[in-house]
Amino acid sequence: RVHGECYQPVGRRKQTGPTQIKFTMAAKAASLGTRLTGRFTPLINYLKVKVPEKGGVIKKYAAVELVPPTPAEILKAPGDIQKIVAKATNGGWKQVPLRDAFVNTVICMEISLWFFVGEIIGKRSLIGYQIEGAVNWDAHI
């Protein structure tokens, strides 16, 4: 190899034009699609078998978890909040078992995830609000 010369693997030709590049990119995309299909086919087949088997369990939990709170539960909420605040101030959080702490952490992460997803849907943009008159996309040179 001479100094300054670009290394070209043996057996490969240099790409000469945009058509050649598009063809290789299409071939790579097709290859990726084939590989992904091959990898996900066992998972899809597994889910086709297991989801109908577990359908009853899913319906049972959905019937309990997706129901809006009853008036009795709403009236109980302020007392529960006071208990949480009392535990936070007197160090009761130190006595929580690791499994319960992990479950609470996952629940908080899920709540924050759905909050952010709702924000993205509400503002119809991934980044910031588009306020009429406040957005200036012109180039300033």
N, C-alpha and C. Protein backbone atom coordinates (compact mmCIF):
# COMPACT_ATOMS: atom_id res chain seq x y z
N ARG A 1 0.84 -1.18 0.00
CA ARG A 1 0.00 0.00 0.00
C ARG A 1 0.88 1.24 0.00
N VAL A 2 0.61 2.12 -0.91
CA VAL A 2 1.38 3.35 -1.02
C VAL A 2 0.75 4.39 -0.11
N HIS A 3 1.59 5.25 0.47
CA HIS A 3 1.09 6.28 1.36
C HIS A 3 0.08 7.17 0.64
N GLY A 4 -1.10 7.36 1.27
CA GLY A 4 -2.12 8.22 0.68
C GLY A 4 -3.10 7.46 -0.19
N GLU A 5 -2.80 6.20 -0.51
CA GLU A 5 -3.71 5.43 -1.36
C GLU A 5 -4.80 4.80 -0.48
N CYS A 6 -6.00 4.84 -0.95
CA CYS A 6 -7.13 4.29 -0.20
C CYS A 6 -7.11 2.77 -0.28
N TYR A 7 -7.33 2.10 0.82
CA TYR A 7 -7.34 0.65 0.83
C TYR A 7 -8.62 0.15 0.18
N GLN A 8 -8.51 -0.72 -0.78
CA GLN A 8 -9.66 -1.31 -1.47
C GLN A 8 -9.55 -2.82 -1.31
N PRO A 9 -10.55 -3.47 -0.65
CA PRO A 9 -10.46 -4.93 -0.47
C PRO A 9 -10.41 -5.65 -1.81
N VAL A 10 -9.72 -6.77 -1.82
CA VAL A 10 -9.59 -7.56 -3.03
C VAL A 10 -10.95 -8.16 -3.38
N GLY A 11 -11.30 -8.13 -4.67
CA GLY A 11 -12.54 -8.73 -5.11
C GLY A 11 -13.70 -7.76 -5.17
N ARG A 12 -13.52 -6.54 -4.73
CA ARG A 12 -14.58 -5.54 -4.78
C ARG A 12 -14.24 -4.51 -5.84
N ARG A 13 -15.24 -4.10 -6.55
CA ARG A 13 -15.03 -3.02 -7.52
C ARG A 13 -15.45 -1.71 -6.91
N LYS A 14 -14.85 -0.65 -7.39
CA LYS A 14 -15.25 0.67 -6.92
C LYS A 14 -16.61 1.00 -7.50
N GLN A 15 -17.43 1.66 -6.69
CA GLN A 15 -18.73 2.09 -7.18
C GLN A 15 -18.53 3.32 -8.04
N THR A 16 -19.14 3.28 -9.22
CA THR A 16 -18.84 4.34 -10.18
C THR A 16 -19.93 5.39 -10.27
N GLY A 17 -21.15 5.07 -10.02
CA GLY A 17 -22.20 6.06 -10.23
C GLY A 17 -23.32 5.91 -9.22
N PRO A 18 -24.28 6.85 -9.24
CA PRO A 18 -25.37 6.80 -8.27
C PRO A 18 -26.25 5.57 -8.42
N THR A 19 -26.39 5.03 -9.63
CA THR A 19 -27.21 3.83 -9.82
C THR A 19 -26.59 2.65 -9.08
N GLN A 20 -25.29 2.56 -9.16
CA GLN A 20 -24.59 1.47 -8.49
C GLN A 20 -24.80 1.58 -6.98
N ILE A 21 -24.74 2.77 -6.43
CA ILE A 21 -24.91 2.96 -4.99
C ILE A 21 -26.34 2.62 -4.59
N LYS A 22 -27.33 3.06 -5.35
CA LYS A 22 -28.72 2.76 -5.04
C LYS A 22 -28.96 1.26 -5.05
N PHE A 23 -28.35 0.57 -6.01
CA PHE A 23 -28.54 -0.87 -6.10
C PHE A 23 -27.98 -1.57 -4.87
N THR A 24 -26.80 -1.18 -4.44
CA THR A 24 -26.21 -1.83 -3.28
C THR A 24 -26.99 -1.48 -2.01
N MET A 25 -27.49 -0.26 -1.90
CA MET A 25 -28.28 0.10 -0.73
C MET A 25 -29.59 -0.70 -0.71
N ALA A 26 -30.22 -0.89 -1.87
CA ALA A 26 -31.44 -1.68 -1.95
C ALA A 26 -31.15 -3.14 -1.59
N ALA A 27 -30.02 -3.64 -2.04
CA ALA A 27 -29.65 -5.02 -1.72
C ALA A 27 -29.41 -5.17 -0.22
N LYS A 28 -28.75 -4.18 0.39
CA LYS A 28 -28.51 -4.24 1.83
C LYS A 28 -29.82 -4.17 2.60
N ALA A 29 -30.75 -3.31 2.14
CA ALA A 29 -32.05 -3.20 2.81
C ALA A 29 -32.83 -4.51 2.69
N ALA A 30 -32.79 -5.13 1.52
CA ALA A 30 -33.47 -6.41 1.33
C ALA A 30 -32.85 -7.48 2.21
N SER A 31 -31.54 -7.47 2.30
CA SER A 31 -30.84 -8.44 3.14
C SER A 31 -31.22 -8.24 4.60
N LEU A 32 -31.31 -7.00 5.04
CA LEU A 32 -31.69 -6.71 6.41
C LEU A 32 -33.11 -7.20 6.67
N GLY A 33 -34.02 -6.95 5.72
CA GLY A 33 -35.39 -7.42 5.88
C GLY A 33 -35.47 -8.93 5.99
N THR A 34 -34.69 -9.63 5.20
CA THR A 34 -34.67 -11.09 5.24
C THR A 34 -34.14 -11.58 6.58
N ARG A 35 -33.07 -10.95 7.05
CA ARG A 35 -32.50 -11.37 8.34
C ARG A 35 -33.46 -11.12 9.48
N LEU A 36 -34.12 -9.94 9.48
CA LEU A 36 -35.06 -9.62 10.55
C LEU A 36 -36.25 -10.57 10.53
N THR A 37 -36.74 -10.89 9.34
CA THR A 37 -37.85 -11.82 9.23
C THR A 37 -37.45 -13.18 9.80
N GLY A 38 -36.26 -13.63 9.48
CA GLY A 38 -35.78 -14.90 10.00
C GLY A 38 -35.64 -14.91 11.51
N ARG A 39 -35.26 -13.77 12.07
CA ARG A 39 -35.07 -13.70 13.52
C ARG A 39 -36.40 -13.60 14.27
N PHE A 40 -37.38 -12.90 13.70
CA PHE A 40 -38.64 -12.68 14.41
C PHE A 40 -39.68 -13.75 14.14
N THR A 41 -39.48 -14.61 13.16
CA THR A 41 -40.46 -15.66 12.86
C THR A 41 -40.68 -16.60 14.05
N PRO A 42 -39.64 -17.09 14.74
CA PRO A 42 -39.89 -17.95 15.90
C PRO A 42 -40.68 -17.23 17.00
N LEU A 43 -40.40 -15.95 17.22
CA LEU A 43 -41.12 -15.18 18.24
C LEU A 43 -42.60 -15.05 17.86
N ILE A 44 -42.86 -14.75 16.61
CA ILE A 44 -44.25 -14.60 16.16
C ILE A 44 -44.99 -15.92 16.28
N ASN A 45 -44.36 -17.03 15.90
CA ASN A 45 -44.99 -18.34 16.04
C ASN A 45 -45.27 -18.68 17.49
N TYR A 46 -44.34 -18.34 18.38
CA TYR A 46 -44.53 -18.57 19.82
C TYR A 46 -45.72 -17.76 20.33
N LEU A 47 -45.81 -16.49 19.93
CA LEU A 47 -46.91 -15.65 20.39
C LEU A 47 -48.25 -16.12 19.84
N LYS A 48 -48.26 -16.66 18.62
CA LYS A 48 -49.51 -17.19 18.06
C LYS A 48 -50.06 -18.33 18.90
N VAL A 49 -49.17 -19.09 19.53
CA VAL A 49 -49.60 -20.21 20.36
C VAL A 49 -49.94 -19.75 21.77
N LYS A 50 -49.09 -18.92 22.37
CA LYS A 50 -49.22 -18.58 23.78
C LYS A 50 -50.30 -17.53 24.07
N VAL A 51 -50.50 -16.57 23.19
CA VAL A 51 -51.47 -15.51 23.47
C VAL A 51 -52.89 -16.06 23.61
N PRO A 52 -53.35 -16.95 22.71
CA PRO A 52 -54.68 -17.52 22.93
C PRO A 52 -54.78 -18.34 24.23
N GLU A 53 -53.69 -19.01 24.61
CA GLU A 53 -53.70 -19.78 25.86
C GLU A 53 -53.85 -18.86 27.07
N LYS A 54 -53.19 -17.71 27.03
CA LYS A 54 -53.19 -16.78 28.16
C LYS A 54 -54.29 -15.72 28.05
N GLY A 55 -55.15 -15.83 27.06
CA GLY A 55 -56.20 -14.82 26.84
C GLY A 55 -57.10 -14.63 28.05
N GLY A 56 -57.45 -15.71 28.73
CA GLY A 56 -58.31 -15.61 29.91
C GLY A 56 -57.64 -14.82 31.03
N VAL A 57 -56.35 -15.07 31.23
CA VAL A 57 -55.61 -14.36 32.27
C VAL A 57 -55.54 -12.87 31.93
N ILE A 58 -55.28 -12.57 30.66
CA ILE A 58 -55.19 -11.17 30.23
C ILE A 58 -56.53 -10.47 30.45
N LYS A 59 -57.63 -11.12 30.08
CA LYS A 59 -58.96 -10.53 30.26
C LYS A 59 -59.29 -10.33 31.73
N LYS A 60 -58.87 -11.29 32.58
CA LYS A 60 -59.15 -11.18 34.01
C LYS A 60 -58.46 -9.95 34.61
N TYR A 61 -57.17 -9.79 34.29
CA TYR A 61 -56.44 -8.64 34.82
C TYR A 61 -56.91 -7.33 34.20
N ALA A 62 -57.27 -7.35 32.94
CA ALA A 62 -57.75 -6.13 32.29
C ALA A 62 -59.07 -5.69 32.91
N ALA A 63 -59.94 -6.64 33.26
CA ALA A 63 -61.22 -6.29 33.88
C ALA A 63 -61.03 -5.64 35.24
N VAL A 64 -59.95 -5.97 35.94
CA VAL A 64 -59.70 -5.39 37.25
C VAL A 64 -58.91 -4.09 37.15
N GLU A 65 -57.86 -4.09 36.32
CA GLU A 65 -56.93 -2.96 36.29
C GLU A 65 -57.39 -1.79 35.43
N LEU A 66 -58.21 -2.02 34.44
CA LEU A 66 -58.58 -0.95 33.52
C LEU A 66 -59.92 -0.31 33.85
N VAL A 67 -60.49 -0.65 35.00
CA VAL A 67 -61.77 -0.07 35.43
C VAL A 67 -61.48 1.26 36.11
N PRO A 68 -62.27 2.30 35.82
CA PRO A 68 -62.05 3.58 36.51
C PRO A 68 -62.33 3.44 38.01
N PRO A 69 -61.75 4.31 38.82
CA PRO A 69 -61.94 4.20 40.27
C PRO A 69 -63.40 4.45 40.66
N THR A 70 -63.82 3.72 41.69
CA THR A 70 -65.17 3.91 42.21
C THR A 70 -65.19 5.13 43.13
N PRO A 71 -66.38 5.66 43.46
CA PRO A 71 -66.43 6.80 44.39
C PRO A 71 -65.82 6.46 45.75
N ALA A 72 -65.96 5.24 46.21
CA ALA A 72 -65.36 4.85 47.50
C ALA A 72 -63.84 4.92 47.44
N GLU A 73 -63.26 4.50 46.32
CA GLU A 73 -61.80 4.57 46.16
C GLU A 73 -61.32 6.01 46.08
N ILE A 74 -62.12 6.85 45.45
CA ILE A 74 -61.74 8.27 45.35
C ILE A 74 -61.76 8.92 46.72
N LEU A 75 -62.75 8.57 47.55
CA LEU A 75 -62.82 9.14 48.90
C LEU A 75 -61.69 8.62 49.79
N LYS A 76 -61.17 7.44 49.50
CA LYS A 76 -60.08 6.86 50.28
C LYS A 76 -58.72 7.44 49.90
N ALA A 77 -58.61 8.08 48.75
CA ALA A 77 -57.32 8.56 48.22
C ALA A 77 -56.62 9.57 49.13
N PRO A 78 -57.30 10.60 49.67
CA PRO A 78 -56.56 11.55 50.53
C PRO A 78 -55.90 10.87 51.73
N GLY A 79 -56.56 9.89 52.35
CA GLY A 79 -55.95 9.17 53.47
C GLY A 79 -54.72 8.40 53.04
N ASP A 80 -54.80 7.78 51.88
CA ASP A 80 -53.63 7.05 51.36
C ASP A 80 -52.47 7.99 51.09
N ILE A 81 -52.76 9.16 50.56
CA ILE A 81 -51.70 10.14 50.29
C ILE A 81 -51.05 10.60 51.58
N GLN A 82 -51.86 10.79 52.63
CA GLN A 82 -51.30 11.20 53.93
C GLN A 82 -50.38 10.10 54.49
N LYS A 83 -50.76 8.83 54.31
CA LYS A 83 -49.91 7.73 54.77
C LYS A 83 -48.58 7.72 54.02
N ILE A 84 -48.63 7.96 52.72
CA ILE A 84 -47.40 7.98 51.91
C ILE A 84 -46.48 9.11 52.37
N VAL A 85 -47.06 10.28 52.61
CA VAL A 85 -46.26 11.43 53.07
C VAL A 85 -45.66 11.14 54.44
N ALA A 86 -46.44 10.52 55.34
CA ALA A 86 -45.93 10.19 56.67
C ALA A 86 -44.77 9.21 56.58
N LYS A 87 -44.89 8.20 55.72
CA LYS A 87 -43.79 7.24 55.55
C LYS A 87 -42.55 7.92 54.98
N ALA A 88 -42.75 8.86 54.04
CA ALA A 88 -41.62 9.54 53.43
C ALA A 88 -40.89 10.42 54.44
N THR A 89 -41.63 11.03 55.37
CA THR A 89 -40.99 11.94 56.31
C THR A 89 -40.34 11.23 57.49
N ASN A 90 -40.90 10.09 57.94
CA ASN A 90 -40.32 9.43 59.12
C ASN A 90 -39.35 8.30 58.78
N GLY A 91 -39.02 8.11 57.50
CA GLY A 91 -38.03 7.11 57.12
C GLY A 91 -38.60 5.72 56.91
N GLY A 92 -39.91 5.60 56.82
CA GLY A 92 -40.53 4.30 56.60
C GLY A 92 -40.17 3.69 55.25
N TRP A 93 -39.74 4.52 54.32
CA TRP A 93 -39.36 4.02 53.00
C TRP A 93 -38.12 3.14 53.07
N LYS A 94 -37.36 3.25 54.15
CA LYS A 94 -36.17 2.43 54.30
C LYS A 94 -36.52 0.97 54.62
N GLN A 95 -37.73 0.72 55.09
CA GLN A 95 -38.15 -0.61 55.50
C GLN A 95 -38.88 -1.38 54.40
N VAL A 96 -38.98 -0.80 53.20
CA VAL A 96 -39.69 -1.45 52.09
C VAL A 96 -38.82 -2.57 51.53
N PRO A 97 -39.38 -3.76 51.35
CA PRO A 97 -38.59 -4.86 50.76
C PRO A 97 -38.15 -4.52 49.34
N LEU A 98 -37.06 -5.13 48.92
CA LEU A 98 -36.47 -4.83 47.63
C LEU A 98 -37.45 -5.11 46.48
N ARG A 99 -38.20 -6.20 46.60
CA ARG A 99 -39.16 -6.54 45.54
C ARG A 99 -40.23 -5.46 45.40
N ASP A 100 -40.76 -4.97 46.53
CA ASP A 100 -41.77 -3.92 46.49
C ASP A 100 -41.19 -2.61 45.95
N ALA A 101 -39.94 -2.32 46.32
CA ALA A 101 -39.30 -1.11 45.81
C ALA A 101 -39.12 -1.20 44.30
N PHE A 102 -38.76 -2.38 43.81
CA PHE A 102 -38.60 -2.57 42.37
C PHE A 102 -39.93 -2.41 41.65
N VAL A 103 -40.99 -3.00 42.19
CA VAL A 103 -42.31 -2.88 41.59
C VAL A 103 -42.75 -1.42 41.57
N ASN A 104 -42.54 -0.71 42.67
CA ASN A 104 -42.91 0.72 42.71
C ASN A 104 -42.12 1.53 41.70
N THR A 105 -40.85 1.20 41.52
CA THR A 105 -40.03 1.90 40.54
C THR A 105 -40.54 1.66 39.13
N VAL A 106 -40.89 0.42 38.82
CA VAL A 106 -41.43 0.10 37.48
C VAL A 106 -42.75 0.83 37.26
N ILE A 107 -43.59 0.90 38.29
CA ILE A 107 -44.87 1.61 38.16
C ILE A 107 -44.64 3.09 37.90
N CYS A 108 -43.69 3.69 38.61
CA CYS A 108 -43.39 5.12 38.39
C CYS A 108 -42.84 5.34 36.98
N MET A 109 -42.00 4.41 36.50
CA MET A 109 -41.48 4.54 35.14
C MET A 109 -42.61 4.43 34.12
N GLU A 110 -43.56 3.54 34.35
CA GLU A 110 -44.68 3.39 33.43
C GLU A 110 -45.54 4.64 33.41
N ILE A 111 -45.80 5.20 34.58
CA ILE A 111 -46.60 6.43 34.64
C ILE A 111 -45.91 7.56 33.91
N SER A 112 -44.61 7.72 34.12
CA SER A 112 -43.89 8.79 33.43
C SER A 112 -43.83 8.54 31.92
N LEU A 113 -43.69 7.28 31.50
CA LEU A 113 -43.69 6.97 30.08
C LEU A 113 -45.01 7.40 29.44
N TRP A 114 -46.13 7.02 30.05
CA TRP A 114 -47.43 7.37 29.47
C TRP A 114 -47.66 8.87 29.51
N PHE A 115 -47.12 9.56 30.53
CA PHE A 115 -47.22 11.02 30.56
C PHE A 115 -46.50 11.62 29.36
N PHE A 116 -45.27 11.17 29.10
CA PHE A 116 -44.51 11.72 27.98
C PHE A 116 -45.12 11.35 26.64
N VAL A 117 -45.64 10.14 26.52
CA VAL A 117 -46.32 9.76 25.28
C VAL A 117 -47.54 10.65 25.06
N GLY A 118 -48.29 10.92 26.11
CA GLY A 118 -49.45 11.81 26.00
C GLY A 118 -49.04 13.22 25.61
N GLU A 119 -47.94 13.69 26.15
CA GLU A 119 -47.45 15.02 25.77
C GLU A 119 -47.07 15.08 24.30
N ILE A 120 -46.38 14.06 23.83
CA ILE A 120 -45.97 14.02 22.42
C ILE A 120 -47.19 13.99 21.52
N ILE A 121 -48.19 13.19 21.89
CA ILE A 121 -49.41 13.13 21.09
C ILE A 121 -50.14 14.47 21.13
N GLY A 122 -50.21 15.07 22.30
CA GLY A 122 -50.93 16.33 22.46
C GLY A 122 -50.32 17.48 21.69
N LYS A 123 -49.01 17.56 21.68
CA LYS A 123 -48.38 18.68 20.96
C LYS A 123 -48.09 18.36 19.51
N ARG A 124 -48.34 17.10 19.09
CA ARG A 124 -48.15 16.65 17.71
C ARG A 124 -46.72 16.87 17.22
N SER A 125 -45.79 16.75 18.13
CA SER A 125 -44.39 16.94 17.77
C SER A 125 -43.55 16.27 18.84
N LEU A 126 -42.41 15.78 18.45
CA LEU A 126 -41.52 15.15 19.42
C LEU A 126 -40.77 16.19 20.24
N ILE A 127 -40.53 17.34 19.63
CA ILE A 127 -39.73 18.37 20.29
C ILE A 127 -40.51 19.68 20.33
N GLY A 128 -40.85 20.15 21.51
CA GLY A 128 -41.42 21.47 21.71
C GLY A 128 -42.80 21.70 21.10
N TYR A 129 -43.38 22.81 21.50
CA TYR A 129 -44.67 23.23 20.99
C TYR A 129 -44.45 24.17 19.82
N GLN A 130 -45.30 24.07 18.80
CA GLN A 130 -45.24 24.97 17.65
C GLN A 130 -46.27 26.07 17.87
N ILE A 131 -45.87 27.16 18.47
CA ILE A 131 -46.78 28.25 18.79
C ILE A 131 -46.84 29.19 17.59
N GLU A 132 -48.06 29.47 17.13
CA GLU A 132 -48.27 30.34 15.97
C GLU A 132 -47.69 31.72 16.25
N GLY A 133 -46.84 32.20 15.38
CA GLY A 133 -46.23 33.51 15.53
C GLY A 133 -44.93 33.52 16.32
N ALA A 134 -44.67 32.45 17.09
CA ALA A 134 -43.46 32.40 17.90
C ALA A 134 -42.36 31.58 17.23
N VAL A 135 -42.71 30.84 16.21
CA VAL A 135 -41.74 29.99 15.54
C VAL A 135 -41.26 30.71 14.28
N ASN A 136 -39.94 30.81 14.16
CA ASN A 136 -39.36 31.48 12.99
C ASN A 136 -38.32 30.53 12.41
N TRP A 137 -38.66 29.89 11.30
CA TRP A 137 -37.78 28.92 10.69
C TRP A 137 -36.90 29.52 9.60
N ASP A 138 -36.93 30.83 9.42
CA ASP A 138 -36.13 31.48 8.39
C ASP A 138 -34.65 31.44 8.77
N ALA A 139 -33.79 31.37 7.76
CA ALA A 139 -32.35 31.40 7.98
C ALA A 139 -31.91 32.82 8.27
N HIS A 140 -31.13 33.00 9.32
CA HIS A 140 -30.62 34.34 9.68
C HIS A 140 -29.13 34.36 9.41
N ILE A 141 -28.77 35.12 8.40
CA ILE A 141 -27.36 35.17 8.01
C ILE A 141 -26.79 36.51 8.34
